[in-house]
Amino acid sequence: MADTIEYMLQTESVIKQYKQYDAVITAVNRVSIKVEPGEFVAIIGTSGSGKSTFLHICAGLDSCDAGRVMIRGQDITKMSADELSRFRGLNMGFIFQRHNLIPQFTALENILIPTMMCNKSDLSYQETLRRLVETLQLTERLNHLPSELSGGQQQRVAIARALINMPDIVFADEPTGNLDRNNADEVLKLLLKTREEMGQTLIMVTHDLSIADHADRIFRMDNGILSLERDYIGGHKKTNMY
């Protein structure tokens, strides 16, 4: 593909290092990747391989020591903290493994947090909220606190929170890692459905190969080095789960 194509995500020689006593650990080692709009990319690898660190850097939740990260051609590594916070709120969604819901907030209040941070008017997100709540089957649970929800329901709330601003790109860090098989399959099905409906790019870190197998491309992270594991684009046709 020509470099003139506008990529949703493009990284160039990203490096992240940590000091551990007298040693320097390279968590991310000169990683470059290009992801097109609407693509689903899965990143697999063993624990400690650097995959979550790289994902956090791509999402602007962590900084890199060298290299560039560009979302739709905009270099987020050059943005100030305020610029990055606003850009992330308007353009990116992030789904954590441990959902990170605020325990004192209802499901609805947790979902709407990103709209408050970006000062969105009620009218700008109401239709999106309605669609998400219906798709994620949360209609009857909106006034419940996280402690009153099952693990699967809590993760659905976290997904709705990540999608409420209709971001161009969604990052998911082991979104099914704390769920049983049935709930994991259900969460994946819902993510694929919302991605299809909203045309979003999805970058997911997962240890579950059955989850990764639904991606367009699978990359493997090993000792901080990213390599292409499998490419389904134009090849193997996967069956949708919904």
C-alpha atoms as a PDB file:
ATOM      1  CA  MET A   1       0.000   0.000   0.000  1.00  0.00           C
ATOM      2  CA  ALA A   2       1.201   3.514  -0.765  1.00  0.00           C
ATOM      3  CA  ASP A   3       2.372   5.718   2.066  1.00  0.00           C
ATOM      4  CA  THR A   4       0.039   8.461   0.794  1.00  0.00           C
ATOM      5  CA  ILE A   5      -2.919   6.592   2.298  1.00  0.00           C
ATOM      6  CA  GLU A   6      -4.188   8.242   5.459  1.00  0.00           C
ATOM      7  CA  TYR A   7      -3.795   5.680   8.214  1.00  0.00           C
ATOM      8  CA  MET A   8      -5.929   5.735  11.301  1.00  0.00           C
ATOM      9  CA  LEU A   9      -2.924   4.711  13.396  1.00  0.00           C
ATOM     10  CA  GLN A  10       0.717   4.897  12.388  1.00  0.00           C
ATOM     11  CA  THR A  11       3.702   4.426  14.673  1.00  0.00           C
ATOM     12  CA  GLU A  12       7.336   4.899  13.736  1.00  0.00           C
ATOM     13  CA  SER A  13      10.147   3.204  15.679  1.00  0.00           C
ATOM     14  CA  VAL A  14       8.457   3.550  19.067  1.00  0.00           C
ATOM     15  CA  ILE A  15      10.726   2.776  22.022  1.00  0.00           C
ATOM     16  CA  LYS A  16       9.821   2.509  25.705  1.00  0.00           C
ATOM     17  CA  GLN A  17      12.374   1.636  28.366  1.00  0.00           C
ATOM     18  CA  TYR A  18      12.284   1.189  32.129  1.00  0.00           C
ATOM     19  CA  LYS A  19      15.078   1.141  34.649  1.00  0.00           C
ATOM     20  CA  GLN A  20      15.166  -1.885  36.923  1.00  0.00           C
ATOM     21  CA  TYR A  21      17.935  -1.572  39.486  1.00  0.00           C
ATOM     22  CA  ASP A  22      21.079  -1.201  37.337  1.00  0.00           C
ATOM     23  CA  ALA A  23      19.503  -2.695  34.225  1.00  0.00           C
ATOM     24  CA  VAL A  24      17.488  -1.053  31.441  1.00  0.00           C
ATOM     25  CA  ILE A  25      14.448  -3.019  30.276  1.00  0.00           C
ATOM     26  CA  THR A  26      13.201  -2.297  26.762  1.00  0.00           C
ATOM     27  CA  ALA A  27       9.465  -2.898  26.928  1.00  0.00           C
ATOM     28  CA  VAL A  28       8.792  -1.654  23.383  1.00  0.00           C
ATOM     29  CA  ASN A  29      11.623  -2.001  20.899  1.00  0.00           C
ATOM     30  CA  ARG A  30      11.423   0.162  17.737  1.00  0.00           C
ATOM     31  CA  VAL A  31       7.841  -0.790  16.901  1.00  0.00           C
ATOM     32  CA  SER A  32       6.317   0.486  13.667  1.00  0.00           C
ATOM     33  CA  ILE A  33       2.798  -0.297  12.472  1.00  0.00           C
ATOM     34  CA  LYS A  34       0.211   1.105  10.061  1.00  0.00           C
ATOM     35  CA  VAL A  35      -3.502   0.519  10.610  1.00  0.00           C
ATOM     36  CA  GLU A  36      -6.156   1.588   8.113  1.00  0.00           C
ATOM     37  CA  PRO A  37      -9.544   3.109   9.024  1.00  0.00           C
ATOM     38  CA  GLY A  38     -12.084   0.457   9.980  1.00  0.00           C
ATOM     39  CA  GLU A  39      -9.497  -2.280  10.497  1.00  0.00           C
ATOM     40  CA  PHE A  40      -9.552  -4.702  13.434  1.00  0.00           C
ATOM     41  CA  VAL A  41      -6.031  -5.503  14.626  1.00  0.00           C
ATOM     42  CA  ALA A  42      -5.289  -7.946  17.444  1.00  0.00           C
ATOM     43  CA  ILE A  43      -1.993  -8.019  19.339  1.00  0.00           C
ATOM     44  CA  ILE A  44      -1.117 -11.244  21.129  1.00  0.00           C
ATOM     45  CA  GLY A  45       1.857 -12.280  23.232  1.00  0.00           C
ATOM     46  CA  THR A  46       2.869 -13.615  26.618  1.00  0.00           C
ATOM     47  CA  SER A  47       2.554 -11.643  29.840  1.00  0.00           C
ATOM     48  CA  GLY A  48       5.312  -9.034  30.054  1.00  0.00           C
ATOM     49  CA  SER A  49       5.974  -9.020  26.310  1.00  0.00           C
ATOM     50  CA  GLY A  50       5.187  -5.280  26.052  1.00  0.00           C
ATOM     51  CA  LYS A  51       1.850  -5.480  24.242  1.00  0.00           C
ATOM     52  CA  SER A  52      -0.180  -3.531  26.824  1.00  0.00           C
ATOM     53  CA  THR A  53       2.575  -0.918  27.179  1.00  0.00           C
ATOM     54  CA  PHE A  54       2.547  -0.398  23.417  1.00  0.00           C
ATOM     55  CA  LEU A  55      -1.254  -0.135  23.380  1.00  0.00           C
ATOM     56  CA  HIS A  56      -1.190   2.493  26.140  1.00  0.00           C
ATOM     57  CA  ILE A  57       1.399   4.492  24.183  1.00  0.00           C
ATOM     58  CA  CYS A  58      -0.739   4.349  21.035  1.00  0.00           C
ATOM     59  CA  ALA A  59      -3.739   5.595  23.018  1.00  0.00           C
ATOM     60  CA  GLY A  60      -1.793   8.457  24.585  1.00  0.00           C
ATOM     61  CA  LEU A  61      -2.121   7.001  28.085  1.00  0.00           C
ATOM     62  CA  ASP A  62       1.648   6.541  28.360  1.00  0.00           C
ATOM     63  CA  SER A  63       4.591   8.307  26.740  1.00  0.00           C
ATOM     64  CA  CYS A  64       7.346   6.793  24.631  1.00  0.00           C
ATOM     65  CA  ASP A  65      11.067   7.491  24.909  1.00  0.00           C
ATOM     66  CA  ALA A  66      11.558   7.721  21.154  1.00  0.00           C
ATOM     67  CA  GLY A  67       9.528   7.448  17.972  1.00  0.00           C
ATOM     68  CA  ARG A  68       6.222   8.864  16.803  1.00  0.00           C
ATOM     69  CA  VAL A  69       2.556   7.939  17.215  1.00  0.00           C
ATOM     70  CA  MET A  70       0.104   9.424  14.738  1.00  0.00           C
ATOM     71  CA  ILE A  71      -3.675   9.222  14.758  1.00  0.00           C
ATOM     72  CA  ARG A  72      -5.046  10.242  11.352  1.00  0.00           C
ATOM     73  CA  GLY A  73      -1.717  11.903  10.646  1.00  0.00           C
ATOM     74  CA  GLN A  74      -1.628  13.960  13.854  1.00  0.00           C
ATOM     75  CA  ASP A  75       1.429  13.285  15.990  1.00  0.00           C
ATOM     76  CA  ILE A  76       0.114  12.833  19.537  1.00  0.00           C
ATOM     77  CA  THR A  77       3.647  12.630  20.945  1.00  0.00           C
ATOM     78  CA  LYS A  78       4.033  16.355  20.243  1.00  0.00           C
ATOM     79  CA  MET A  79       0.800  17.422  21.933  1.00  0.00           C
ATOM     80  CA  SER A  80       0.662  19.143  25.314  1.00  0.00           C
ATOM     81  CA  ALA A  81      -1.154  17.347  28.138  1.00  0.00           C
ATOM     82  CA  ASP A  82      -4.284  19.464  27.613  1.00  0.00           C
ATOM     83  CA  GLU A  83      -4.204  19.042  23.838  1.00  0.00           C
ATOM     84  CA  LEU A  84      -3.757  15.298  24.159  1.00  0.00           C
ATOM     85  CA  SER A  85      -6.547  14.980  26.724  1.00  0.00           C
ATOM     86  CA  ARG A  86      -9.026  16.766  24.480  1.00  0.00           C
ATOM     87  CA  PHE A  87      -7.860  14.961  21.324  1.00  0.00           C
ATOM     88  CA  ARG A  88      -8.141  11.598  23.068  1.00  0.00           C
ATOM     89  CA  GLY A  89     -11.610  12.406  24.390  1.00  0.00           C
ATOM     90  CA  LEU A  90     -12.904  13.336  20.953  1.00  0.00           C
ATOM     91  CA  ASN A  91     -11.151  10.710  18.828  1.00  0.00           C
ATOM     92  CA  MET A  92     -10.295   7.658  20.947  1.00  0.00           C
ATOM     93  CA  GLY A  93     -12.022   5.190  23.208  1.00  0.00           C
ATOM     94  CA  PHE A  94     -10.255   2.852  25.629  1.00  0.00           C
ATOM     95  CA  ILE A  95     -11.588  -0.340  27.195  1.00  0.00           C
ATOM     96  CA  PHE A  96      -9.643  -1.641  30.183  1.00  0.00           C
ATOM     97  CA  GLN A  97      -9.487  -5.222  31.413  1.00  0.00           C
ATOM     98  CA  ARG A  98     -10.697  -4.138  34.844  1.00  0.00           C
ATOM     99  CA  HIS A  99     -13.422  -1.821  33.510  1.00  0.00           C
ATOM    100  CA  ASN A 100     -12.367   1.019  35.922  1.00  0.00           C
ATOM    101  CA  LEU A 101     -15.923   2.140  36.663  1.00  0.00           C
ATOM    102  CA  ILE A 102     -16.457   4.751  39.381  1.00  0.00           C
ATOM    103  CA  PRO A 103     -18.226   2.806  42.165  1.00  0.00           C
ATOM    104  CA  GLN A 104     -20.290   5.772  43.403  1.00  0.00           C
ATOM    105  CA  PHE A 105     -21.684   6.482  39.911  1.00  0.00           C
ATOM    106  CA  THR A 106     -24.593   4.668  38.309  1.00  0.00           C
ATOM    107  CA  ALA A 107     -24.095   2.798  35.050  1.00  0.00           C
ATOM    108  CA  LEU A 108     -25.545   5.771  33.138  1.00  0.00           C
ATOM    109  CA  GLU A 109     -23.297   8.286  34.912  1.00  0.00           C
ATOM    110  CA  ASN A 110     -20.236   6.134  34.182  1.00  0.00           C
ATOM    111  CA  ILE A 111     -21.169   5.934  30.501  1.00  0.00           C
ATOM    112  CA  LEU A 112     -21.555   9.706  30.228  1.00  0.00           C
ATOM    113  CA  ILE A 113     -18.204  10.655  31.813  1.00  0.00           C
ATOM    114  CA  PRO A 114     -16.466  11.247  28.427  1.00  0.00           C
ATOM    115  CA  THR A 115     -19.256  13.595  27.290  1.00  0.00           C
ATOM    116  CA  MET A 116     -18.787  15.710  30.417  1.00  0.00           C
ATOM    117  CA  MET A 117     -15.027  15.916  29.863  1.00  0.00           C
ATOM    118  CA  CYS A 118     -15.544  17.118  26.283  1.00  0.00           C
ATOM    119  CA  ASN A 119     -18.420  19.476  27.171  1.00  0.00           C
ATOM    120  CA  LYS A 120     -20.781  17.820  24.716  1.00  0.00           C
ATOM    121  CA  SER A 121     -24.388  18.987  24.657  1.00  0.00           C
ATOM    122  CA  ASP A 122     -27.159  16.538  25.516  1.00  0.00           C
ATOM    123  CA  LEU A 123     -28.452  16.506  21.950  1.00  0.00           C
ATOM    124  CA  SER A 124     -25.085  15.498  20.492  1.00  0.00           C
ATOM    125  CA  TYR A 125     -24.938  12.124  22.224  1.00  0.00           C
ATOM    126  CA  GLN A 126     -28.533  11.108  23.032  1.00  0.00           C
ATOM    127  CA  GLU A 127     -29.049   9.053  19.869  1.00  0.00           C
ATOM    128  CA  THR A 128     -25.671   7.351  20.317  1.00  0.00           C
ATOM    129  CA  LEU A 129     -26.545   6.618  23.942  1.00  0.00           C
ATOM    130  CA  ARG A 130     -29.863   5.065  22.926  1.00  0.00           C
ATOM    131  CA  ARG A 131     -28.220   2.830  20.317  1.00  0.00           C
ATOM    132  CA  LEU A 132     -25.432   1.738  22.640  1.00  0.00           C
ATOM    133  CA  VAL A 133     -27.762   0.960  25.518  1.00  0.00           C
ATOM    134  CA  GLU A 134     -29.973  -1.147  23.255  1.00  0.00           C
ATOM    135  CA  THR A 135     -27.094  -2.932  21.521  1.00  0.00           C
ATOM    136  CA  LEU A 136     -25.288  -3.650  24.801  1.00  0.00           C
ATOM    137  CA  GLN A 137     -28.515  -4.704  26.544  1.00  0.00           C
ATOM    138  CA  LEU A 138     -28.203  -2.195  29.380  1.00  0.00           C
ATOM    139  CA  THR A 139     -31.648  -0.603  29.251  1.00  0.00           C
ATOM    140  CA  GLU A 140     -32.781  -2.092  32.576  1.00  0.00           C
ATOM    141  CA  ARG A 141     -29.464  -1.525  34.366  1.00  0.00           C
ATOM    142  CA  LEU A 142     -28.733   2.168  33.823  1.00  0.00           C
ATOM    143  CA  ASN A 143     -29.653   3.268  37.351  1.00  0.00           C
ATOM    144  CA  HIS A 144     -27.662   0.502  39.044  1.00  0.00           C
ATOM    145  CA  LEU A 145     -24.280   0.990  40.715  1.00  0.00           C
ATOM    146  CA  PRO A 146     -21.352  -1.145  39.480  1.00  0.00           C
ATOM    147  CA  SER A 147     -21.587  -3.290  42.628  1.00  0.00           C
ATOM    148  CA  GLU A 148     -25.112  -4.230  41.567  1.00  0.00           C
ATOM    149  CA  LEU A 149     -23.994  -5.442  38.126  1.00  0.00           C
ATOM    150  CA  SER A 150     -22.454  -8.722  37.016  1.00  0.00           C
ATOM    151  CA  GLY A 151     -18.929  -8.794  35.624  1.00  0.00           C
ATOM    152  CA  GLY A 152     -20.246  -9.002  32.082  1.00  0.00           C
ATOM    153  CA  GLN A 153     -22.631  -6.089  32.657  1.00  0.00           C
ATOM    154  CA  GLN A 154     -19.835  -3.970  34.125  1.00  0.00           C
ATOM    155  CA  GLN A 155     -17.723  -4.590  31.034  1.00  0.00           C
ATOM    156  CA  ARG A 156     -20.652  -3.621  28.809  1.00  0.00           C
ATOM    157  CA  VAL A 157     -20.913  -0.333  30.693  1.00  0.00           C
ATOM    158  CA  ALA A 158     -17.174   0.178  30.117  1.00  0.00           C
ATOM    159  CA  ILE A 159     -17.650  -0.484  26.396  1.00  0.00           C
ATOM    160  CA  ALA A 160     -20.514   2.018  26.224  1.00  0.00           C
ATOM    161  CA  ARG A 161     -18.334   4.591  28.014  1.00  0.00           C
ATOM    162  CA  ALA A 162     -15.548   4.042  25.466  1.00  0.00           C
ATOM    163  CA  LEU A 163     -17.953   4.454  22.533  1.00  0.00           C
ATOM    164  CA  ILE A 164     -20.273   7.259  23.695  1.00  0.00           C
ATOM    165  CA  ASN A 165     -18.303   9.990  21.893  1.00  0.00           C
ATOM    166  CA  MET A 166     -18.262   7.848  18.719  1.00  0.00           C
ATOM    167  CA  PRO A 167     -14.444   7.778  18.552  1.00  0.00           C
ATOM    168  CA  ASP A 168     -12.662   6.958  15.302  1.00  0.00           C
ATOM    169  CA  ILE A 169     -10.442   4.409  17.016  1.00  0.00           C
ATOM    170  CA  VAL A 170     -11.030   2.117  19.996  1.00  0.00           C
ATOM    171  CA  PHE A 171      -8.228   0.532  22.015  1.00  0.00           C
ATOM    172  CA  ALA A 172      -9.085  -2.530  24.098  1.00  0.00           C
ATOM    173  CA  ASP A 173      -6.657  -4.039  26.626  1.00  0.00           C
ATOM    174  CA  GLU A 174      -7.677  -7.644  27.378  1.00  0.00           C
ATOM    175  CA  PRO A 175     -11.384  -6.651  27.429  1.00  0.00           C
ATOM    176  CA  THR A 176     -12.476 -10.246  28.039  1.00  0.00           C
ATOM    177  CA  GLY A 177      -9.617 -11.227  30.356  1.00  0.00           C
ATOM    178  CA  ASN A 178     -11.705 -11.262  33.535  1.00  0.00           C
ATOM    179  CA  LEU A 179     -14.777 -12.902  32.022  1.00  0.00           C
ATOM    180  CA  ASP A 180     -15.887 -16.507  31.677  1.00  0.00           C
ATOM    181  CA  ARG A 181     -16.166 -18.049  28.207  1.00  0.00           C
ATOM    182  CA  ASN A 182     -19.825 -17.196  27.660  1.00  0.00           C
ATOM    183  CA  ASN A 183     -19.436 -13.575  28.773  1.00  0.00           C
ATOM    184  CA  ALA A 184     -16.192 -13.235  26.797  1.00  0.00           C
ATOM    185  CA  ASP A 185     -17.906 -14.397  23.609  1.00  0.00           C
ATOM    186  CA  GLU A 186     -20.813 -12.052  24.276  1.00  0.00           C
ATOM    187  CA  VAL A 187     -18.537  -9.046  24.810  1.00  0.00           C
ATOM    188  CA  LEU A 188     -16.638  -9.819  21.605  1.00  0.00           C
ATOM    189  CA  LYS A 189     -19.896 -10.160  19.694  1.00  0.00           C
ATOM    190  CA  LEU A 190     -21.030  -6.761  20.974  1.00  0.00           C
ATOM    191  CA  LEU A 191     -17.681  -5.128  20.140  1.00  0.00           C
ATOM    192  CA  LEU A 192     -17.827  -6.490  16.599  1.00  0.00           C
ATOM    193  CA  LYS A 193     -21.402  -5.309  16.213  1.00  0.00           C
ATOM    194  CA  THR A 194     -20.744  -1.766  17.432  1.00  0.00           C
ATOM    195  CA  ARG A 195     -17.596  -1.603  15.290  1.00  0.00           C
ATOM    196  CA  GLU A 196     -19.603  -2.630  12.231  1.00  0.00           C
ATOM    197  CA  GLU A 197     -22.365  -0.111  12.954  1.00  0.00           C
ATOM    198  CA  MET A 198     -20.038   2.808  13.732  1.00  0.00           C
ATOM    199  CA  GLY A 199     -17.243   1.989  11.280  1.00  0.00           C
ATOM    200  CA  GLN A 200     -14.570   2.212  13.942  1.00  0.00           C
ATOM    201  CA  THR A 201     -10.994   1.017  13.960  1.00  0.00           C
ATOM    202  CA  LEU A 202     -10.359  -1.523  16.738  1.00  0.00           C
ATOM    203  CA  ILE A 203      -6.947  -2.306  18.227  1.00  0.00           C
ATOM    204  CA  MET A 204      -7.145  -5.092  20.790  1.00  0.00           C
ATOM    205  CA  VAL A 205      -4.580  -6.722  23.051  1.00  0.00           C
ATOM    206  CA  THR A 206      -5.652 -10.236  23.991  1.00  0.00           C
ATOM    207  CA  HIS A 207      -4.182 -13.514  25.190  1.00  0.00           C
ATOM    208  CA  ASP A 208      -7.189 -15.399  23.786  1.00  0.00           C
ATOM    209  CA  LEU A 209      -6.443 -16.758  20.308  1.00  0.00           C
ATOM    210  CA  SER A 210     -10.121 -17.506  19.665  1.00  0.00           C
ATOM    211  CA  ILE A 211     -10.817 -13.783  20.174  1.00  0.00           C
ATOM    212  CA  ALA A 212      -7.838 -12.689  18.071  1.00  0.00           C
ATOM    213  CA  ASP A 213      -8.936 -14.960  15.227  1.00  0.00           C
ATOM    214  CA  HIS A 214     -11.769 -12.526  14.422  1.00  0.00           C
ATOM    215  CA  ALA A 215      -9.296  -9.738  13.618  1.00  0.00           C
ATOM    216  CA  ASP A 216      -8.268  -8.638  10.126  1.00  0.00           C
ATOM    217  CA  ARG A 217      -4.612  -8.930  11.147  1.00  0.00           C
ATOM    218  CA  ILE A 218      -2.912 -10.532  14.134  1.00  0.00           C
ATOM    219  CA  PHE A 219       0.422  -9.261  15.435  1.00  0.00           C
ATOM    220  CA  ARG A 220       2.604 -10.923  18.055  1.00  0.00           C
ATOM    221  CA  MET A 221       4.649  -9.002  20.606  1.00  0.00           C
ATOM    222  CA  ASP A 222       7.754 -10.800  21.868  1.00  0.00           C
ATOM    223  CA  ASN A 223      10.302  -9.076  24.110  1.00  0.00           C
ATOM    224  CA  GLY A 224       9.108  -5.688  22.919  1.00  0.00           C
ATOM    225  CA  ILE A 225       9.326  -6.551  19.204  1.00  0.00           C
ATOM    226  CA  LEU A 226       6.144  -6.585  17.106  1.00  0.00           C
ATOM    227  CA  SER A 227       5.801  -8.935  14.133  1.00  0.00           C
ATOM    228  CA  LEU A 228       2.919  -9.903  11.856  1.00  0.00           C
ATOM    229  CA  GLU A 229       1.485 -13.285  12.857  1.00  0.00           C
ATOM    230  CA  ARG A 230      -1.450 -13.619  10.474  1.00  0.00           C
ATOM    231  CA  ASP A 231      -3.113 -11.509   7.771  1.00  0.00           C
ATOM    232  CA  TYR A 232      -6.738 -12.206   6.871  1.00  0.00           C
ATOM    233  CA  ILE A 233      -7.282  -9.131   4.681  1.00  0.00           C
ATOM    234  CA  GLY A 234      -8.256 -10.313   1.211  1.00  0.00           C
ATOM    235  CA  GLY A 235      -7.726 -13.896   2.313  1.00  0.00           C
ATOM    236  CA  HIS A 236      -9.463 -16.065   4.877  1.00  0.00           C
ATOM    237  CA  LYS A 237     -13.088 -15.000   5.300  1.00  0.00           C
ATOM    238  CA  LYS A 238     -14.272 -15.004   8.891  1.00  0.00           C
ATOM    239  CA  THR A 239     -17.870 -15.513   9.948  1.00  0.00           C
ATOM    240  CA  ASN A 240     -19.416 -12.716  12.013  1.00  0.00           C
ATOM    241  CA  MET A 241     -20.586 -13.668  15.485  1.00  0.00           C
ATOM    242  CA  TYR A 242     -23.775 -11.607  15.368  1.00  0.00           C
END
